[in-house]
Amino acid sequence: MRPAPLFEAAGVVGAPPGEVGRLLLTVRPGPVGRDNLWLLTAHGGVVSGGPERFTLSTPAHAMTVEVTGNGGDTIAVQGGWWYRGEYTVAPHPEGTLVTHRVRNVANRWRWGVPLANRFFVGFRRDTRAGFTDGLRRIGDELGCPARLL
């Protein structure tokens, strides 16, 4: 059973799901860049593994990256002791619905994650702001409107 999200937000991108999917869901071995693991270009690093489960190695840390879902419509990034961020791409009347979920996948001290995040004042606000900025970046990259729902 998958744990319930600690955070969830959605937005609409005014481009077809195939176009948004190519941008967000393309992962292959090699350096992170415009055509590979675009979501994490700010992290940089090198991707290894595949075809469904990868490792992103950066100078600071390593993360697991998975492409899952019906027809590969979800990319999940997992790192640290509890964090799993998921982005799902689905059709929407205005183009593409992009949904972001953050899940607590800790094996140990699972109970401590929500408590710890309450101590990080602004966790939900900052996560929402980060997703909103990500939508803006997607729109800028694809030359189309993007908005938070």
N, C-alpha and C. Protein backbone atom coordinates (compact mmCIF):
# COMPACT_ATOMS: atom_id res chain seq x y z
N MET A 1 0.83 -1.18 0.00
CA MET A 1 0.00 0.00 0.00
C MET A 1 0.88 1.25 0.00
N ARG A 2 0.54 2.19 -0.84
CA ARG A 2 1.30 3.44 -0.90
C ARG A 2 0.82 4.38 0.20
N PRO A 3 1.76 5.04 0.85
CA PRO A 3 1.36 5.99 1.90
C PRO A 3 0.63 7.19 1.31
N ALA A 4 -0.30 7.73 2.10
CA ALA A 4 -1.03 8.93 1.68
C ALA A 4 -0.05 10.09 1.50
N PRO A 5 -0.34 10.99 0.57
CA PRO A 5 0.56 12.13 0.38
C PRO A 5 0.57 13.07 1.58
N LEU A 6 1.76 13.60 1.88
CA LEU A 6 1.88 14.68 2.86
C LEU A 6 1.49 16.00 2.21
N PHE A 7 1.65 16.05 0.90
CA PHE A 7 1.37 17.26 0.12
C PHE A 7 0.90 16.84 -1.25
N GLU A 8 -0.06 17.58 -1.80
CA GLU A 8 -0.52 17.34 -3.17
C GLU A 8 -0.97 18.65 -3.78
N ALA A 9 -0.57 18.88 -5.02
CA ALA A 9 -1.00 20.05 -5.77
C ALA A 9 -1.08 19.66 -7.24
N ALA A 10 -1.88 20.41 -7.98
CA ALA A 10 -2.03 20.13 -9.41
C ALA A 10 -2.07 21.44 -10.18
N GLY A 11 -1.70 21.34 -11.44
CA GLY A 11 -1.73 22.49 -12.33
C GLY A 11 -2.00 22.05 -13.75
N VAL A 12 -2.33 23.01 -14.58
CA VAL A 12 -2.62 22.74 -15.99
C VAL A 12 -1.57 23.42 -16.85
N VAL A 13 -1.06 22.66 -17.81
CA VAL A 13 -0.12 23.17 -18.80
C VAL A 13 -0.84 23.15 -20.15
N GLY A 14 -0.80 24.24 -20.87
CA GLY A 14 -1.51 24.38 -22.13
C GLY A 14 -0.78 23.75 -23.30
N ALA A 15 -0.36 22.52 -23.15
CA ALA A 15 0.30 21.77 -24.22
C ALA A 15 -0.20 20.32 -24.14
N PRO A 16 -0.13 19.57 -25.24
CA PRO A 16 -0.61 18.18 -25.23
C PRO A 16 0.18 17.30 -24.26
N PRO A 17 -0.47 16.26 -23.70
CA PRO A 17 0.21 15.37 -22.75
C PRO A 17 1.49 14.75 -23.30
N GLY A 18 1.52 14.44 -24.59
CA GLY A 18 2.74 13.85 -25.17
C GLY A 18 3.93 14.80 -25.09
N GLU A 19 3.67 16.07 -25.34
CA GLU A 19 4.73 17.08 -25.30
C GLU A 19 5.21 17.30 -23.86
N VAL A 20 4.26 17.43 -22.93
CA VAL A 20 4.62 17.61 -21.51
C VAL A 20 5.31 16.35 -21.00
N GLY A 21 4.80 15.19 -21.38
CA GLY A 21 5.41 13.93 -20.97
C GLY A 21 6.84 13.78 -21.45
N ARG A 22 7.11 14.15 -22.69
CA ARG A 22 8.50 14.06 -23.19
C ARG A 22 9.43 14.93 -22.36
N LEU A 23 8.95 16.10 -21.94
CA LEU A 23 9.78 16.99 -21.13
C LEU A 23 9.99 16.43 -19.73
N LEU A 24 8.93 15.99 -19.08
CA LEU A 24 9.00 15.61 -17.66
C LEU A 24 9.40 14.16 -17.42
N LEU A 25 9.05 13.27 -18.34
CA LEU A 25 9.20 11.84 -18.07
C LEU A 25 10.39 11.19 -18.76
N THR A 26 11.13 11.93 -19.56
CA THR A 26 12.28 11.35 -20.25
C THR A 26 13.46 11.21 -19.29
N VAL A 27 13.86 9.96 -19.10
CA VAL A 27 15.01 9.64 -18.25
C VAL A 27 15.81 8.55 -18.94
N ARG A 28 17.10 8.74 -19.04
CA ARG A 28 18.00 7.74 -19.64
C ARG A 28 19.37 7.92 -19.02
N PRO A 29 20.23 6.93 -19.14
CA PRO A 29 21.59 7.10 -18.62
C PRO A 29 22.29 8.26 -19.31
N GLY A 30 23.04 9.03 -18.52
CA GLY A 30 23.80 10.15 -19.07
C GLY A 30 23.64 11.38 -18.21
N PRO A 31 24.22 12.50 -18.63
CA PRO A 31 24.14 13.73 -17.85
C PRO A 31 22.72 14.30 -17.84
N VAL A 32 22.33 14.89 -16.71
CA VAL A 32 21.05 15.57 -16.60
C VAL A 32 21.11 16.82 -17.47
N GLY A 33 20.02 17.08 -18.19
CA GLY A 33 19.99 18.26 -19.05
C GLY A 33 18.62 18.47 -19.63
N ARG A 34 18.55 19.28 -20.65
CA ARG A 34 17.27 19.66 -21.25
C ARG A 34 16.50 18.45 -21.79
N ASP A 35 17.21 17.42 -22.24
CA ASP A 35 16.55 16.25 -22.82
C ASP A 35 16.68 15.00 -21.94
N ASN A 36 17.03 15.19 -20.67
CA ASN A 36 17.20 14.05 -19.76
C ASN A 36 16.96 14.49 -18.32
N LEU A 37 15.90 13.98 -17.72
CA LEU A 37 15.54 14.29 -16.32
C LEU A 37 15.46 15.80 -16.12
N TRP A 38 14.75 16.45 -17.04
CA TRP A 38 14.63 17.90 -17.08
C TRP A 38 14.21 18.49 -15.73
N LEU A 39 13.33 17.80 -15.01
CA LEU A 39 12.86 18.30 -13.72
C LEU A 39 14.00 18.62 -12.76
N LEU A 40 15.10 17.90 -12.86
CA LEU A 40 16.19 18.05 -11.91
C LEU A 40 17.43 18.70 -12.52
N THR A 41 17.25 19.52 -13.55
CA THR A 41 18.40 20.18 -14.16
C THR A 41 19.14 21.06 -13.16
N ALA A 42 18.45 21.63 -12.20
CA ALA A 42 19.12 22.47 -11.19
C ALA A 42 20.05 21.65 -10.30
N HIS A 43 19.75 20.36 -10.14
CA HIS A 43 20.61 19.48 -9.34
C HIS A 43 21.86 19.07 -10.09
N GLY A 44 21.73 18.98 -11.41
CA GLY A 44 22.84 18.48 -12.22
C GLY A 44 23.04 17.00 -11.94
N GLY A 45 24.19 16.49 -12.28
CA GLY A 45 24.51 15.10 -12.00
C GLY A 45 24.42 14.21 -13.21
N VAL A 46 24.58 12.92 -12.93
CA VAL A 46 24.60 11.90 -13.97
C VAL A 46 23.62 10.79 -13.60
N VAL A 47 22.86 10.34 -14.58
CA VAL A 47 21.87 9.28 -14.40
C VAL A 47 22.48 7.97 -14.86
N SER A 48 22.25 6.91 -14.08
CA SER A 48 22.66 5.57 -14.48
C SER A 48 21.50 4.61 -14.24
N GLY A 49 21.58 3.42 -14.84
CA GLY A 49 20.55 2.41 -14.66
C GLY A 49 19.52 2.45 -15.76
N GLY A 50 18.32 1.97 -15.42
CA GLY A 50 17.21 1.97 -16.35
C GLY A 50 16.75 0.56 -16.67
N PRO A 51 15.72 0.36 -17.41
CA PRO A 51 14.94 1.37 -18.12
C PRO A 51 13.82 2.00 -17.27
N GLU A 52 13.45 1.40 -16.12
CA GLU A 52 12.38 1.98 -15.31
C GLU A 52 12.88 2.55 -13.98
N ARG A 53 14.01 2.07 -13.51
CA ARG A 53 14.56 2.54 -12.22
C ARG A 53 16.00 3.00 -12.46
N PHE A 54 16.27 4.24 -12.06
CA PHE A 54 17.55 4.88 -12.30
C PHE A 54 18.14 5.40 -11.00
N THR A 55 19.41 5.75 -11.04
CA THR A 55 20.06 6.44 -9.94
C THR A 55 20.61 7.75 -10.48
N LEU A 56 20.27 8.85 -9.80
CA LEU A 56 20.85 10.14 -10.12
C LEU A 56 21.93 10.41 -9.09
N SER A 57 23.16 10.56 -9.55
CA SER A 57 24.28 10.86 -8.67
C SER A 57 24.69 12.31 -8.89
N THR A 58 24.68 13.07 -7.79
CA THR A 58 25.12 14.46 -7.81
C THR A 58 26.29 14.58 -6.85
N PRO A 59 27.01 15.69 -6.87
CA PRO A 59 28.10 15.84 -5.91
C PRO A 59 27.62 15.80 -4.45
N ALA A 60 26.36 16.18 -4.20
CA ALA A 60 25.85 16.25 -2.83
C ALA A 60 25.20 14.97 -2.35
N HIS A 61 24.54 14.21 -3.24
CA HIS A 61 23.79 13.03 -2.83
C HIS A 61 23.37 12.20 -4.03
N ALA A 62 22.75 11.06 -3.74
CA ALA A 62 22.19 10.20 -4.77
C ALA A 62 20.69 10.07 -4.54
N MET A 63 19.95 9.94 -5.63
CA MET A 63 18.50 9.76 -5.57
C MET A 63 18.10 8.64 -6.51
N THR A 64 17.00 7.97 -6.17
CA THR A 64 16.41 6.98 -7.05
C THR A 64 15.35 7.68 -7.89
N VAL A 65 15.30 7.36 -9.17
CA VAL A 65 14.32 7.93 -10.08
C VAL A 65 13.61 6.77 -10.77
N GLU A 66 12.28 6.79 -10.75
CA GLU A 66 11.49 5.74 -11.37
C GLU A 66 10.47 6.36 -12.32
N VAL A 67 10.26 5.68 -13.44
CA VAL A 67 9.18 6.04 -14.35
C VAL A 67 8.17 4.91 -14.22
N THR A 68 6.95 5.25 -13.75
CA THR A 68 5.95 4.24 -13.43
C THR A 68 4.59 4.68 -13.95
N GLY A 69 3.56 3.97 -13.52
CA GLY A 69 2.19 4.32 -13.85
C GLY A 69 1.72 3.67 -15.12
N ASN A 70 0.50 3.98 -15.48
CA ASN A 70 -0.11 3.44 -16.70
C ASN A 70 0.58 4.05 -17.91
N GLY A 71 1.35 3.25 -18.59
CA GLY A 71 2.04 3.75 -19.78
C GLY A 71 3.18 4.70 -19.46
N GLY A 72 3.71 4.65 -18.24
CA GLY A 72 4.82 5.52 -17.87
C GLY A 72 4.41 6.97 -17.73
N ASP A 73 3.30 7.23 -17.03
CA ASP A 73 2.80 8.59 -16.89
C ASP A 73 3.25 9.29 -15.61
N THR A 74 4.09 8.64 -14.82
CA THR A 74 4.55 9.19 -13.55
C THR A 74 6.05 9.06 -13.42
N ILE A 75 6.67 10.12 -12.93
CA ILE A 75 8.08 10.06 -12.57
C ILE A 75 8.16 10.30 -11.07
N ALA A 76 8.93 9.47 -10.39
CA ALA A 76 9.09 9.58 -8.95
C ALA A 76 10.56 9.73 -8.62
N VAL A 77 10.85 10.66 -7.70
CA VAL A 77 12.21 10.91 -7.25
C VAL A 77 12.24 10.65 -5.76
N GLN A 78 13.13 9.77 -5.34
CA GLN A 78 13.18 9.38 -3.93
C GLN A 78 14.59 9.56 -3.41
N GLY A 79 14.70 10.20 -2.24
CA GLY A 79 16.00 10.42 -1.64
C GLY A 79 15.88 10.77 -0.18
N GLY A 80 16.98 10.72 0.52
CA GLY A 80 16.93 10.95 1.95
C GLY A 80 16.25 9.79 2.64
N TRP A 81 15.92 9.96 3.88
CA TRP A 81 15.34 8.84 4.63
C TRP A 81 13.83 8.74 4.49
N TRP A 82 13.16 9.77 3.94
CA TRP A 82 11.71 9.70 3.90
C TRP A 82 11.08 10.22 2.61
N TYR A 83 11.77 11.01 1.81
CA TYR A 83 11.16 11.79 0.73
C TYR A 83 10.93 10.98 -0.55
N ARG A 84 9.71 11.10 -1.09
CA ARG A 84 9.40 10.61 -2.43
C ARG A 84 8.49 11.66 -3.08
N GLY A 85 8.96 12.26 -4.15
CA GLY A 85 8.18 13.23 -4.90
C GLY A 85 7.73 12.62 -6.20
N GLU A 86 6.45 12.69 -6.50
CA GLU A 86 5.89 12.10 -7.70
C GLU A 86 5.23 13.18 -8.56
N TYR A 87 5.45 13.09 -9.87
CA TYR A 87 4.82 13.98 -10.85
C TYR A 87 4.09 13.10 -11.85
N THR A 88 2.79 13.34 -12.00
CA THR A 88 1.97 12.56 -12.93
C THR A 88 1.43 13.49 -14.02
N VAL A 89 1.43 12.98 -15.24
CA VAL A 89 0.96 13.70 -16.42
C VAL A 89 -0.30 13.00 -16.92
N ALA A 90 -1.38 13.78 -17.12
CA ALA A 90 -2.65 13.21 -17.61
C ALA A 90 -3.34 14.22 -18.53
N PRO A 91 -4.18 13.73 -19.44
CA PRO A 91 -4.92 14.64 -20.31
C PRO A 91 -5.85 15.56 -19.50
N HIS A 92 -6.04 16.76 -20.00
CA HIS A 92 -6.93 17.76 -19.40
C HIS A 92 -7.56 18.53 -20.55
N PRO A 93 -8.81 19.01 -20.40
CA PRO A 93 -9.44 19.76 -21.49
C PRO A 93 -8.61 20.95 -21.99
N GLU A 94 -7.78 21.54 -21.14
CA GLU A 94 -6.96 22.68 -21.54
C GLU A 94 -5.55 22.27 -21.98
N GLY A 95 -5.24 20.98 -21.97
CA GLY A 95 -3.91 20.50 -22.34
C GLY A 95 -3.50 19.32 -21.48
N THR A 96 -2.71 19.59 -20.44
CA THR A 96 -2.18 18.52 -19.59
C THR A 96 -2.33 18.88 -18.13
N LEU A 97 -2.82 17.92 -17.36
CA LEU A 97 -2.87 18.05 -15.91
C LEU A 97 -1.57 17.48 -15.35
N VAL A 98 -0.86 18.27 -14.57
CA VAL A 98 0.36 17.82 -13.90
C VAL A 98 0.06 17.82 -12.41
N THR A 99 0.22 16.67 -11.78
CA THR A 99 -0.04 16.54 -10.34
C THR A 99 1.26 16.20 -9.64
N HIS A 100 1.51 16.88 -8.53
CA HIS A 100 2.72 16.64 -7.73
C HIS A 100 2.28 16.16 -6.35
N ARG A 101 2.88 15.05 -5.91
CA ARG A 101 2.61 14.50 -4.58
C ARG A 101 3.93 14.26 -3.87
N VAL A 102 3.95 14.56 -2.58
CA VAL A 102 5.10 14.24 -1.74
C VAL A 102 4.64 13.20 -0.73
N ARG A 103 5.35 12.08 -0.68
CA ARG A 103 4.99 10.98 0.22
C ARG A 103 6.11 10.70 1.22
N ASN A 104 5.71 10.23 2.37
CA ASN A 104 6.62 9.78 3.41
C ASN A 104 6.84 8.28 3.21
N VAL A 105 8.03 7.89 2.74
CA VAL A 105 8.33 6.48 2.50
C VAL A 105 9.36 5.94 3.49
N ALA A 106 9.50 6.60 4.64
CA ALA A 106 10.48 6.18 5.64
C ALA A 106 10.17 4.77 6.14
N ASN A 107 11.20 3.95 6.24
CA ASN A 107 11.06 2.62 6.84
C ASN A 107 11.19 2.70 8.36
N ARG A 108 11.98 3.64 8.83
CA ARG A 108 12.19 3.83 10.26
C ARG A 108 11.75 5.23 10.64
N TRP A 109 11.26 5.36 11.85
CA TRP A 109 10.85 6.65 12.38
C TRP A 109 9.86 7.37 11.46
N ARG A 110 9.05 6.58 10.78
CA ARG A 110 8.05 7.11 9.87
C ARG A 110 7.16 8.15 10.57
N TRP A 111 6.83 7.88 11.79
CA TRP A 111 5.97 8.77 12.58
C TRP A 111 6.61 10.14 12.77
N GLY A 112 7.92 10.23 12.70
CA GLY A 112 8.61 11.48 12.96
C GLY A 112 8.61 12.47 11.80
N VAL A 113 8.31 12.00 10.59
CA VAL A 113 8.38 12.88 9.43
C VAL A 113 7.35 14.00 9.50
N PRO A 114 6.07 13.70 9.71
CA PRO A 114 5.11 14.83 9.80
C PRO A 114 5.44 15.77 10.96
N LEU A 115 5.89 15.20 12.06
CA LEU A 115 6.26 16.03 13.20
C LEU A 115 7.44 16.93 12.83
N ALA A 116 8.46 16.35 12.22
CA ALA A 116 9.64 17.13 11.82
C ALA A 116 9.26 18.22 10.82
N ASN A 117 8.36 17.91 9.90
CA ASN A 117 7.97 18.89 8.89
C ASN A 117 7.15 20.03 9.47
N ARG A 118 6.47 19.79 10.57
CA ARG A 118 5.77 20.89 11.23
C ARG A 118 6.78 21.86 11.84
N PHE A 119 7.93 21.32 12.24
CA PHE A 119 8.96 22.19 12.78
C PHE A 119 9.61 23.02 11.68
N PHE A 120 9.56 22.54 10.44
CA PHE A 120 10.09 23.29 9.31
C PHE A 120 8.99 24.24 8.88
N VAL A 121 8.89 25.34 9.55
CA VAL A 121 7.81 26.30 9.30
C VAL A 121 7.75 26.62 7.81
N GLY A 122 6.57 26.50 7.25
CA GLY A 122 6.38 26.82 5.84
C GLY A 122 6.58 25.66 4.89
N PHE A 123 6.69 24.42 5.38
CA PHE A 123 6.91 23.27 4.50
C PHE A 123 5.89 23.22 3.37
N ARG A 124 4.60 23.27 3.71
CA ARG A 124 3.55 23.19 2.69
C ARG A 124 3.60 24.41 1.76
N ARG A 125 3.76 25.58 2.34
CA ARG A 125 3.82 26.81 1.54
C ARG A 125 5.00 26.77 0.58
N ASP A 126 6.17 26.36 1.09
CA ASP A 126 7.37 26.32 0.25
C ASP A 126 7.27 25.25 -0.83
N THR A 127 6.67 24.11 -0.49
CA THR A 127 6.50 23.04 -1.47
C THR A 127 5.54 23.49 -2.57
N ARG A 128 4.46 24.16 -2.18
CA ARG A 128 3.50 24.68 -3.15
C ARG A 128 4.16 25.74 -4.04
N ALA A 129 4.95 26.62 -3.44
CA ALA A 129 5.65 27.65 -4.21
C ALA A 129 6.64 27.01 -5.19
N GLY A 130 7.33 25.95 -4.76
CA GLY A 130 8.26 25.25 -5.65
C GLY A 130 7.54 24.60 -6.82
N PHE A 131 6.37 24.00 -6.55
CA PHE A 131 5.59 23.39 -7.63
C PHE A 131 5.08 24.47 -8.60
N THR A 132 4.62 25.58 -8.05
CA THR A 132 4.15 26.69 -8.89
C THR A 132 5.27 27.19 -9.79
N ASP A 133 6.47 27.32 -9.23
CA ASP A 133 7.63 27.73 -10.03
C ASP A 133 7.93 26.68 -11.10
N GLY A 134 7.81 25.41 -10.75
CA GLY A 134 8.03 24.34 -11.72
C GLY A 134 7.04 24.42 -12.88
N LEU A 135 5.76 24.72 -12.57
CA LEU A 135 4.77 24.89 -13.64
C LEU A 135 5.16 26.03 -14.56
N ARG A 136 5.61 27.13 -13.97
CA ARG A 136 6.06 28.28 -14.77
C ARG A 136 7.20 27.88 -15.69
N ARG A 137 8.17 27.12 -15.14
CA ARG A 137 9.31 26.65 -15.94
C ARG A 137 8.84 25.77 -17.10
N ILE A 138 7.88 24.87 -16.83
CA ILE A 138 7.35 24.00 -17.88
C ILE A 138 6.72 24.86 -18.98
N GLY A 139 5.88 25.82 -18.58
CA GLY A 139 5.26 26.71 -19.56
C GLY A 139 6.28 27.48 -20.37
N ASP A 140 7.31 28.01 -19.69
CA ASP A 140 8.36 28.75 -20.38
C ASP A 140 9.10 27.85 -21.38
N GLU A 141 9.42 26.64 -20.94
CA GLU A 141 10.16 25.70 -21.80
C GLU A 141 9.36 25.31 -23.03
N LEU A 142 8.05 25.12 -22.85
CA LEU A 142 7.20 24.68 -23.96
C LEU A 142 6.51 25.83 -24.69
N GLY A 143 6.69 27.06 -24.20
CA GLY A 143 6.08 28.22 -24.83
C GLY A 143 4.57 28.23 -24.76
N CYS A 144 4.04 27.90 -23.59
CA CYS A 144 2.59 27.84 -23.42
C CYS A 144 2.20 28.28 -22.02
N PRO A 145 0.91 28.55 -21.80
CA PRO A 145 0.49 28.94 -20.45
C PRO A 145 0.54 27.73 -19.50
N ALA A 146 0.72 28.03 -18.23
CA ALA A 146 0.69 27.01 -17.18
C ALA A 146 0.18 27.69 -15.92
N ARG A 147 -0.69 27.00 -15.19
CA ARG A 147 -1.26 27.62 -13.99
C ARG A 147 -1.54 26.58 -12.92
N LEU A 148 -1.49 27.02 -11.69
CA LEU A 148 -1.83 26.19 -10.54
C LEU A 148 -3.33 26.10 -10.42
N LEU A 149 -3.83 24.93 -10.09
CA LEU A 149 -5.27 24.76 -9.84
C LEU A 149 -5.56 25.03 -8.38
